[in-house]
Protein backbone atom coordinates (compact mmCIF):
# COMPACT_ATOMS: atom_id res chain seq x y z
CA MET A 1 95.34 -29.66 98.72
CA PRO A 2 95.62 -30.02 94.94
CA GLY A 3 94.20 -26.57 94.23
CA LYS A 4 96.89 -24.89 96.26
CA ARG A 5 99.78 -26.60 94.44
CA ARG A 6 98.58 -24.99 91.20
CA TYR A 7 98.26 -21.56 92.77
CA VAL A 8 101.19 -19.16 93.16
CA PRO A 9 100.53 -15.72 94.69
CA GLN A 10 101.48 -12.88 92.36
CA ASN A 11 101.01 -9.16 92.76
CA SER A 12 100.81 -7.03 89.64
CA ARG A 13 102.07 -3.49 90.30
CA SER A 14 100.19 -2.17 87.27
CA PHE A 15 96.93 -3.72 88.45
CA ASN A 16 97.55 -2.37 91.96
CA LYS A 17 98.01 1.13 90.57
CA PHE A 18 94.79 0.77 88.61
CA LEU A 19 92.97 -0.54 91.70
CA LYS A 20 94.20 2.31 93.88
CA LEU A 21 93.39 4.95 91.31
CA PHE A 22 89.81 3.87 90.69
CA TYR A 23 88.57 1.51 93.43
CA GLY A 24 90.66 3.23 96.12
CA SER A 25 89.27 6.63 95.15
CA TRP A 26 85.74 5.22 95.21
CA LEU A 27 86.29 3.71 98.68
CA ARG A 28 87.66 6.96 100.07
CA HIS A 29 84.67 8.86 98.68
CA VAL A 30 81.89 6.44 99.61
CA TYR A 31 83.19 5.62 103.10
CA ARG A 32 84.61 9.13 103.71
CA VAL A 33 87.96 7.68 104.75
CA ARG A 34 90.19 10.02 106.76
CA THR A 35 93.82 8.86 106.91
CA HIS A 36 96.33 9.75 109.63
CA GLY A 37 99.99 8.78 109.99
CA ALA A 38 100.58 7.87 106.34
CA GLU A 39 103.80 9.91 106.35
CA LEU A 40 105.57 6.90 107.89
CA PHE A 41 105.60 5.32 104.42
CA GLN A 42 107.89 8.12 103.19
CA THR A 43 110.84 6.56 104.99
CA LEU A 44 109.72 2.95 105.46
CA ARG A 45 110.78 0.53 102.73
CA PRO A 46 109.72 -3.10 102.21
CA PRO A 47 109.79 -5.75 103.45
CA TYR A 48 107.36 -5.24 106.32
CA VAL A 49 104.11 -6.68 107.69
CA ILE A 50 100.82 -4.81 107.93
CA ILE A 51 98.35 -5.90 110.58
CA GLY A 52 94.86 -4.52 111.03
CA ASN A 53 91.81 -4.83 113.23
CA HIS A 54 89.07 -6.69 111.34
CA VAL A 55 85.66 -5.04 111.72
CA SER A 56 84.12 -4.92 108.23
CA THR A 57 84.09 -6.70 104.90
CA ARG A 58 86.00 -3.88 103.18
CA ASP A 59 88.98 -3.76 105.57
CA PRO A 60 91.68 -5.28 103.30
CA PHE A 61 90.67 -3.01 100.42
CA ILE A 62 90.63 0.17 102.50
CA LEU A 63 94.03 -0.65 104.01
CA GLY A 64 95.53 -1.97 100.79
CA THR A 65 94.53 0.96 98.59
CA ASN A 66 95.97 3.39 101.16
CA CYS A 67 99.38 1.68 101.29
CA PRO A 68 101.96 2.77 98.66
CA GLU A 69 103.22 -0.80 98.15
CA PRO A 70 101.29 -3.82 96.79
CA VAL A 71 100.09 -5.88 99.77
CA TYR A 72 99.91 -9.68 99.77
CA TRP A 73 96.89 -10.24 102.01
CA VAL A 74 96.39 -13.53 103.84
CA THR A 75 92.79 -14.50 103.08
CA SER A 76 90.48 -17.47 103.50
CA ASP A 77 90.80 -20.02 100.71
CA GLY A 78 87.00 -20.06 100.69
CA ASN A 79 87.11 -16.78 98.75
CA MET A 80 89.03 -18.46 95.92
CA ARG A 81 86.92 -21.43 94.90
CA THR A 82 85.86 -20.03 91.54
CA ASN A 83 88.19 -19.42 88.59
CA PHE A 84 87.20 -15.73 88.44
CA MET A 85 87.86 -15.01 92.12
CA ARG A 86 91.10 -16.99 92.06
CA PHE A 87 92.27 -14.97 89.04
CA PHE A 88 91.25 -11.65 90.62
CA LEU A 89 92.68 -12.35 94.07
CA ARG A 90 95.89 -13.62 92.52
CA LEU A 91 96.31 -10.25 90.79
CA VAL A 92 96.29 -8.55 94.19
CA GLY A 93 98.63 -11.14 95.71
CA SER A 94 96.21 -12.96 98.02
CA ILE A 95 97.78 -15.74 100.09
CA PRO A 96 95.13 -18.42 100.81
CA LYS A 97 94.67 -19.84 104.27
CA ALA A 98 92.38 -22.70 105.28
CA LYS A 99 90.05 -21.21 107.87
CA ALA A 100 90.56 -22.53 111.42
CA ILE A 101 93.05 -25.16 110.16
CA PRO A 102 96.88 -24.89 110.50
CA ASP A 103 98.44 -24.50 107.05
CA MET A 104 102.20 -24.78 106.48
CA GLN A 105 101.85 -23.82 102.82
CA THR A 106 100.46 -20.44 103.87
CA ILE A 107 103.49 -19.83 106.09
CA SER A 108 105.83 -20.84 103.25
CA TRP A 109 104.21 -18.30 100.92
CA ILE A 110 104.44 -15.55 103.56
CA VAL A 111 108.14 -16.26 104.12
CA GLU A 112 108.78 -16.27 100.37
CA VAL A 113 107.06 -12.90 99.88
CA VAL A 114 108.98 -11.27 102.73
CA ARG A 115 112.42 -12.83 102.33
CA LYS A 116 112.75 -13.56 98.61
CA ARG A 117 110.49 -10.95 97.02
CA ARG A 118 111.05 -8.36 99.78
CA GLY A 119 107.37 -7.53 99.65
CA VAL A 120 104.60 -6.50 102.05
CA VAL A 121 102.31 -9.05 103.70
CA GLY A 122 98.96 -8.08 105.22
CA ILE A 123 97.52 -10.07 108.13
CA PHE A 124 94.38 -9.79 110.24
CA PRO A 125 95.58 -11.48 113.46
CA GLU A 126 92.01 -12.08 114.65
CA GLY A 127 91.49 -14.47 111.74
CA GLN A 128 87.95 -13.25 111.05
CA ALA A 129 85.84 -10.10 111.14
CA SER A 130 84.14 -9.15 114.39
CA TRP A 131 80.37 -9.65 114.72
CA ASP A 132 79.83 -6.90 117.30
CA GLY A 133 82.62 -4.39 116.62
CA HIS A 134 84.78 -5.52 119.52
CA SER A 135 88.19 -7.05 118.86
CA LEU A 136 88.48 -10.85 118.91
CA PRO A 137 91.30 -12.94 120.41
CA ILE A 138 94.21 -13.06 117.98
CA VAL A 139 95.56 -16.31 116.52
CA PRO A 140 98.16 -17.55 119.06
CA ALA A 141 100.81 -18.41 116.43
CA THR A 142 100.92 -14.84 115.08
CA GLY A 143 103.68 -13.83 117.51
CA LYS A 144 105.86 -16.72 116.33
CA LEU A 145 105.22 -15.83 112.69
CA VAL A 146 106.27 -12.19 113.18
CA LYS A 147 109.38 -13.35 115.07
CA LEU A 148 110.23 -15.65 112.16
CA LEU A 149 109.94 -12.82 109.61
CA LYS A 150 112.12 -10.32 111.54
CA VAL A 151 110.70 -7.24 109.76
CA PRO A 152 108.86 -4.11 110.97
CA VAL A 153 105.16 -4.37 111.80
CA VAL A 154 102.87 -1.56 110.65
CA LEU A 155 99.49 -1.20 112.35
CA GLY A 156 96.52 0.03 110.34
CA ARG A 157 93.65 0.77 112.74
CA LEU A 158 90.18 1.30 111.34
CA GLU A 159 87.52 3.13 113.32
CA GLY A 160 83.96 3.59 112.10
CA ALA A 161 84.25 0.80 109.53
CA TYR A 162 82.09 -1.47 111.68
CA PHE A 163 79.15 0.94 111.44
CA ALA A 164 79.74 1.56 107.72
CA LEU A 165 79.62 -2.11 106.65
CA PRO A 166 79.56 -4.69 109.46
CA ARG A 167 80.17 -8.35 108.71
CA TRP A 168 76.53 -9.30 109.08
CA THR A 169 75.04 -7.17 106.29
CA TRP A 170 75.18 -6.68 102.53
CA VAL A 171 74.15 -3.02 102.71
CA ARG A 172 76.59 -0.17 103.44
CA ARG A 173 75.80 2.99 105.41
CA ARG A 174 77.22 6.45 104.84
CA GLY A 175 79.20 7.94 107.70
CA ARG A 176 82.94 8.24 108.29
CA VAL A 177 85.91 5.87 108.57
CA ASP A 178 89.17 6.82 110.30
CA LEU A 179 92.37 5.02 109.27
CA ASP A 180 95.36 5.48 111.57
CA TRP A 181 98.81 4.19 110.52
CA SER A 182 101.62 3.62 113.03
CA ILE A 183 104.77 1.54 113.52
CA LEU A 184 103.80 -1.09 116.07
CA LEU A 185 107.16 -2.90 116.09
CA THR A 186 110.49 -1.98 114.54
CA ALA A 187 112.72 -4.68 113.05
CA GLU A 188 115.08 -4.28 116.02
CA GLU A 189 112.23 -4.80 118.48
CA VAL A 190 111.03 -7.90 116.63
CA LYS A 191 114.54 -9.39 116.86
CA ALA A 192 114.92 -8.51 120.55
CA LEU A 193 111.49 -9.56 121.84
CA SER A 194 110.28 -13.10 122.48
CA PRO A 195 107.30 -14.49 120.51
CA GLU A 196 105.20 -14.11 123.67
CA GLU A 197 106.19 -10.45 124.06
CA ILE A 198 105.46 -9.81 120.39
CA PHE A 199 102.07 -11.46 120.83
CA THR A 200 101.29 -9.10 123.72
CA ARG A 201 102.22 -6.06 121.63
CA LEU A 202 100.10 -7.27 118.71
CA GLU A 203 97.15 -7.94 121.01
CA ALA A 204 97.38 -4.44 122.50
CA GLY A 205 97.61 -2.87 119.04
CA ILE A 206 94.56 -4.68 117.73
CA ARG A 207 92.39 -4.28 120.82
CA GLY A 208 89.44 -1.99 120.34
CA ASP A 209 85.70 -1.45 120.59
CA ALA A 210 83.61 0.22 117.88
CA TYR A 211 81.14 1.51 120.46
CA ALA A 212 83.91 3.08 122.58
CA TRP A 213 84.97 5.00 119.46
CA GLN A 214 81.37 5.95 118.69
CA GLU A 215 80.84 7.30 122.21
CA LYS A 216 83.60 9.83 121.55
CA ALA A 217 83.17 10.45 117.81
CA HIS A 218 79.33 10.49 117.74
CA VAL A 219 79.26 9.99 113.95
CA PRO A 220 75.86 9.27 112.33
CA PHE A 221 75.70 6.45 109.77
CA THR A 222 72.74 6.98 107.49
CA GLY A 223 70.79 4.44 105.49
CA ALA A 224 67.33 2.96 105.11
CA HIS A 225 68.43 -0.61 105.87
CA ARG A 226 70.60 -0.27 108.96
CA ALA A 227 69.19 -3.30 110.81
CA GLU A 228 68.89 -5.66 107.86
CA HIS A 229 70.53 -9.05 108.54
CA VAL A 230 71.67 -8.16 112.07
CA GLU A 231 69.97 -11.43 113.09
CA LEU A 232 72.94 -13.21 111.52
CA ALA A 233 74.94 -11.93 114.51
CA LEU A 234 72.18 -11.60 117.13
CA PHE A 235 70.16 -14.80 116.85
CA MET A 236 68.71 -14.91 120.38
CA CYS A 237 65.96 -12.59 121.60
CA PRO A 238 66.84 -10.92 124.94
CA GLU A 239 63.17 -10.57 125.92
CA CYS A 240 61.92 -14.16 125.46
CA GLU A 241 65.30 -15.93 124.92
CA THR A 242 63.97 -17.72 121.83
CA ILE A 243 66.62 -18.77 119.33
CA GLY A 244 66.32 -18.10 115.60
CA LYS A 245 63.06 -16.09 115.55
CA LEU A 246 64.46 -12.58 114.99
CA ARG A 247 63.72 -10.96 111.61
CA SER A 248 64.97 -7.65 110.25
CA LEU A 249 63.56 -5.19 107.73
CA GLY A 250 64.82 -1.69 107.07
CA ASN A 251 65.92 -0.22 110.39
CA ARG A 252 63.81 -2.60 112.51
CA LEU A 253 64.47 -5.94 114.19
CA HIS A 254 61.41 -7.96 115.24
CA CYS A 255 61.01 -11.15 117.28
CA ALA A 256 58.40 -13.43 115.74
CA ALA A 257 58.09 -15.33 119.03
CA CYS A 258 57.27 -12.56 121.54
CA GLY A 259 56.56 -9.55 119.28
CA SER A 260 59.36 -7.34 120.62
CA THR A 261 60.49 -4.77 118.05
CA PHE A 262 63.73 -2.81 118.10
CA ILE A 263 64.91 0.10 115.97
CA LEU A 264 68.60 0.51 115.12
CA ASP A 265 69.37 4.23 115.03
CA ARG A 266 71.96 6.24 113.04
CA PHE A 267 74.58 5.82 115.77
CA GLY A 268 74.30 2.01 115.98
CA TYR A 269 72.11 1.82 119.10
CA PHE A 270 68.81 0.02 119.65
CA ARG A 271 65.65 1.61 120.96
CA SER A 272 62.24 0.10 121.44
CA ALA A 273 59.58 0.69 118.79
CA GLU A 274 57.10 1.01 121.67
CA ARG A 275 59.34 3.63 123.34
CA ASN A 276 59.99 1.27 126.25
CA ALA A 277 63.43 0.86 127.77
CA VAL A 278 65.53 -1.69 125.91
CA ARG A 279 67.51 -4.34 127.75
CA PHE A 280 70.59 -3.87 125.56
CA ALA A 281 71.22 -0.64 123.69
CA SER A 282 74.27 -1.74 121.70
CA ILE A 283 74.98 -4.76 119.51
CA ARG A 284 78.06 -5.36 121.68
CA ASP A 285 76.07 -5.55 124.93
CA TRP A 286 73.43 -7.79 123.33
CA ASP A 287 76.16 -10.06 121.99
CA LEU A 288 77.84 -10.34 125.41
CA TRP A 289 74.53 -11.44 126.94
CA GLN A 290 73.99 -13.91 124.09
CA ALA A 291 77.48 -15.35 124.66
CA SER A 292 76.43 -16.38 128.19
CA ALA A 293 72.77 -17.25 127.55
CA PHE A 294 73.33 -19.49 124.51
CA PRO A 295 75.64 -21.98 126.30
CA THR A 296 72.98 -22.33 129.00
CA ALA A 297 70.41 -23.23 126.33
CA VAL A 298 72.85 -25.75 124.87
CA ASP A 299 73.42 -27.39 128.27
CA GLU A 300 69.67 -27.62 128.80
CA ALA A 301 69.27 -29.26 125.39
CA ARG A 302 72.04 -31.74 126.21
CA ALA A 303 70.24 -32.68 129.43
CA ARG A 304 67.05 -33.43 127.48
CA GLY A 305 68.83 -36.19 125.56
CA ASP A 306 68.62 -37.09 121.88
CA ARG A 307 66.28 -34.31 120.73
CA PRO A 308 66.83 -31.69 118.00
CA PHE A 309 68.29 -28.40 119.22
CA LEU A 310 68.36 -26.42 115.96
CA SER A 311 66.53 -26.99 112.70
CA ASP A 312 66.38 -25.00 109.44
CA THR A 313 64.83 -25.96 106.11
CA GLY A 314 66.29 -25.20 102.68
CA ALA A 315 69.90 -26.07 103.55
CA MET A 316 72.24 -27.15 100.75
CA ILE A 317 75.40 -29.12 101.56
CA LEU A 318 78.42 -28.99 99.25
CA ARG A 319 81.72 -30.84 99.44
CA GLY A 320 85.23 -30.09 98.23
CA ARG A 321 88.87 -29.61 99.17
CA GLY A 322 90.87 -26.43 99.59
CA MET A 323 90.43 -23.96 96.75
CA ASN A 324 88.86 -26.50 94.42
CA PRO A 325 85.25 -25.82 93.37
CA LEU A 326 82.64 -27.29 95.70
CA ARG A 327 80.14 -29.87 94.46
CA ARG A 328 76.55 -30.00 95.63
CA ILE A 329 75.61 -33.16 97.55
CA ARG A 330 72.07 -32.79 98.90
CA THR A 331 69.42 -30.24 99.91
CA GLY A 332 67.06 -30.62 102.83
CA THR A 333 66.45 -29.77 106.48
CA LEU A 334 69.51 -29.29 108.64
CA VAL A 335 69.13 -30.56 112.21
CA LEU A 336 71.56 -30.31 115.12
CA TYR A 337 71.51 -32.93 117.89
CA PRO A 338 73.79 -32.99 120.96
CA ASP A 339 76.09 -35.53 119.27
CA ARG A 340 75.60 -35.05 115.52
CA LEU A 341 74.60 -32.85 112.60
CA GLU A 342 72.05 -34.29 110.17
CA LEU A 343 70.64 -33.29 106.80
CA ALA A 344 67.21 -34.83 106.15
CA THR A 345 66.23 -34.76 102.46
CA LEU A 346 62.77 -34.86 100.91
CA MET A 347 63.58 -38.37 99.64
CA GLY A 348 63.96 -39.63 103.19
CA GLU A 349 67.76 -39.79 103.14
CA ARG A 350 69.80 -38.71 106.14
CA LEU A 351 73.38 -37.48 105.93
CA VAL A 352 74.93 -37.83 109.38
CA PHE A 353 78.02 -36.00 110.64
CA PRO A 354 79.10 -37.05 114.16
CA LEU A 355 80.29 -33.88 115.91
CA ALA A 356 83.27 -35.68 117.44
CA GLY A 357 84.72 -36.22 113.96
CA LEU A 358 84.44 -32.60 112.79
CA GLU A 359 87.00 -29.80 113.00
CA GLY A 360 87.50 -26.29 111.70
CA VAL A 361 83.84 -25.32 112.22
CA SER A 362 83.54 -21.72 111.05
CA VAL A 363 81.45 -19.12 109.23
CA LEU A 364 82.75 -17.94 105.86
CA LYS A 365 81.81 -14.40 104.86
CA ARG A 366 78.41 -13.53 106.32
CA ASN A 367 76.46 -16.74 106.37
CA LEU A 368 78.19 -19.85 104.98
CA LEU A 369 78.68 -22.62 107.53
CA GLU A 370 81.84 -24.68 106.95
CA PHE A 371 83.49 -27.64 108.65
CA TYR A 372 86.03 -30.35 107.90
CA GLN A 373 85.58 -34.09 108.18
CA GLY A 374 89.00 -35.57 107.57
CA ARG A 375 90.41 -33.88 104.46
CA ASN A 376 86.96 -33.09 103.08
CA LEU A 377 85.52 -29.61 103.44
CA PHE A 378 81.74 -29.30 103.75
CA GLN A 379 79.85 -26.06 103.24
CA VAL A 380 76.22 -25.38 104.15
CA ARG A 381 74.32 -22.68 102.27
CA PHE A 382 70.96 -21.53 103.58
CA ALA A 383 68.17 -20.60 101.16
CA ARG A 384 66.91 -17.77 103.39
CA ARG A 385 69.20 -14.91 104.33
CA PHE A 386 67.83 -14.54 107.85
CA VAL A 387 69.14 -17.98 108.89
CA SER A 388 72.22 -17.42 111.05
CA ALA A 389 75.17 -19.69 110.28
CA ARG A 390 76.79 -18.28 113.41
CA LYS A 391 74.21 -19.91 115.68
CA TRP A 392 74.96 -23.26 113.99
CA MET A 393 78.70 -22.84 114.37
CA GLU A 394 78.47 -21.92 118.05
CA GLY A 395 75.95 -24.68 118.79
CA MET A 396 78.16 -27.32 117.13
CA GLU A 397 81.25 -26.12 118.99
CA LEU A 398 79.50 -26.03 122.37
CA PHE A 399 78.14 -29.57 121.96
CA ARG A 400 81.62 -30.73 120.92
CA LYS A 401 83.23 -29.22 124.03
CA GLY A 402 80.79 -30.82 126.45
CA PRO A 403 78.93 -29.29 129.44
CA ALA A 404 80.19 -26.03 130.91
CA GLY A 405 82.83 -26.68 133.55
CA SER A 406 83.54 -30.23 132.37
């Protein structure tokens, strides 16, 4: 990737001090961050690795500004495709990683920071932020990476951050965030344990559920737009099972297909606007149902043959490589078939992407669909914020895998 050869992670101590003094203070005030266990940094000296559970879009900043040392965070290279963001993220030592694609350059940078610079590397082993507040499976190679580094592993656990600013929204809520620091693995344990044993310890450290915390903490998160954009995560109505017809406004989520309306309360739970019993009270429970119902819909669509399964207008496709700026190709209607993705333009053109030739299908940030075809990265941007890139990603992956049980 040409862009990566020109990029070298740096980490300015003076800029970090500035960031912690001003942005860190703002974060602690706005999100009411309560920190526990920070005394471990009084005796711990670099190099070491920080790992964290990934539940909100502010996680690296909350963790980083509460650590006494500059942290080189491993981040998606998709965040660094403009000169401004590359300059800014370089100042805070960001190490770019191609999302869902193995990247030896990323590992080389991590090793250099730890062994040569004797610095601190920050990693989110899940690889992406959770949609429903529950921990995701961690990247399998993380145990091998920690074994390679042979340094202590510090766990920074965030609770409440999911309700303050979940991945699927642009609007924060005011409540409380708990940050708990602990030593997950000492250097001696890392040297003694196998990569598989390290993986098990990392998995146990990361594992968590935002709703399990909320059941005990019972912290209200206030705001006038609590439900806005939740349809980016929950794209299937539990009442009529229609896909892509949910719309949010303020604290309400409405299905345009069957008329069901849900209200998201201060504690992150749904209730019916008609005061009826709701099928799923939490985003987590709704998402678990969706995870089983959506594959069934995909299998039914596959059985119907060569007919469109998903379709959204106002989709713009861009192309690029690595951290290089993306270039716009076409705009039109995006359509997913059982064997291909198509973009139909107003001029009658059709860009066709056979699903068998795609890899690294993922969602960047809240709602940017990305995939690789060979060395080329393609990104789809939707004109309307209520269009869920997640439903596209999961649909493409399910069609690629074939029928359930095959």
